[in-house]
Amino acid sequence: MTLTRPPSRTTGTGRHARPTGTGRTVAVLVLVVLAALIPVLGPSPALHGTGEAEAPGTGGIALLRTVLFAALSVPVGELFVNRLARSLPGAPPQRPRSWAPYAAAAGFVAALGLASVVATGNLVPDSAADIDVGGLYSTRDGKLALLEVNGFLAAGLCATSRRPGLQVWPLAAVIVAEALRAHPTTEYSPLLGSGLTLVHLTCASLWVGGLLYALRTLRTWREAAAGPALLGLYARVAAVLLAAITATGVCSSLRRMPPGTIVDQLTDTAYGRVLLAKVILMVAVAALALWARIRLGRAADPLTACVPARAEVAALGFMVAVSGLLTALPVPIRW
């Protein structure tokens, strides 16, 4: 049983005809880009007028964390979608080429760069002589940085082995290390904060990486009947992931910005401004996900849901970049 794609419907005939839906997708993406433009440009615009000083190397650290988050999402998403595909009856055995080894290499380089910053007392090293590798073993942040480096190295080795599913364990170790790093012991209730970040980062990685690999799988399967079924199965799980991401994100924000100060901090602090941009992106991504879900259930050709889904992937890429910048900015409340 196969699905055939119906002829593209157009708004008219002649030279002004174009596929429906494309213009709306472009309009949504333009709005998303405009909403996220200032924080994505770097820390300087976000810090302008707040009275907060930019720490040395903030832009570079934000870039490294963006690469790290993206490198984490790709293999996690592949493992997730492959598991979903195995549960579908009649699913084709073909799978798109894995990007996990390349993601592990990128994550290893990013983690190594972040570890070098930790090894110089959270300062950008001017030369290799400034890096105290042995000192990493004597501090909590140093040990966590080394754990992330080794985690990506192990994940890359597993991804190129005969049992790529084993990479789930080093990837889990990286997520745990990142959750612990984000909440130092001097913070109020650090274990609670780490728990929230653990759930938030895990669900975000499944969502971002899973959607990317699901769309790649659909392209590989072409007109197979299991394609819409896979996208529908992913959409049902993604709804739960979105709820978990929203809940943990709100709780984490309230821990750093009490309700009475949120309005002021969203406009008067760099952290608040970038957080606001992330919220706008989340709303746009949720709207695109809903649009794809409606098309999947009601359209004559369910595969037309790929149009808003691809726009959702692009918006999620911006959100990963904003998240990387958010981790590099000063937290508005000092514990």
Foldseek 3Di string as FASTA:
>chain_A
DWDDDDDFDFPDDDDPTDGPPQVVLVVLLVVLCVLLVQVLVDLPSLAPQQPDDAAACLRVQLVLQLLLLLLLLQVLQVLLLVVLQVVDPPRDPDFPDGCNLVSLVSNLVSLVLCLQCVQQVNHRDPDPVSGDLVCLVVDLLSVLSVLSNVLSVVLNVLCPDPHNVVNVVSSLSNLLSVLQNLFDPVADPSVVSSVLSSLLSSLLSNLLNNLVRLLRRCVVRPGHPCSLVSVLVSLVVNVVSLVSNVVSVVVNVCSLAPPVGLVVCLRNHSLNVLVVSLVVLSVSLVVLSVVLNCLLPDPPDNVVSVSSSVSSSVSSSSNSSSVSSSSSGDRPDDD
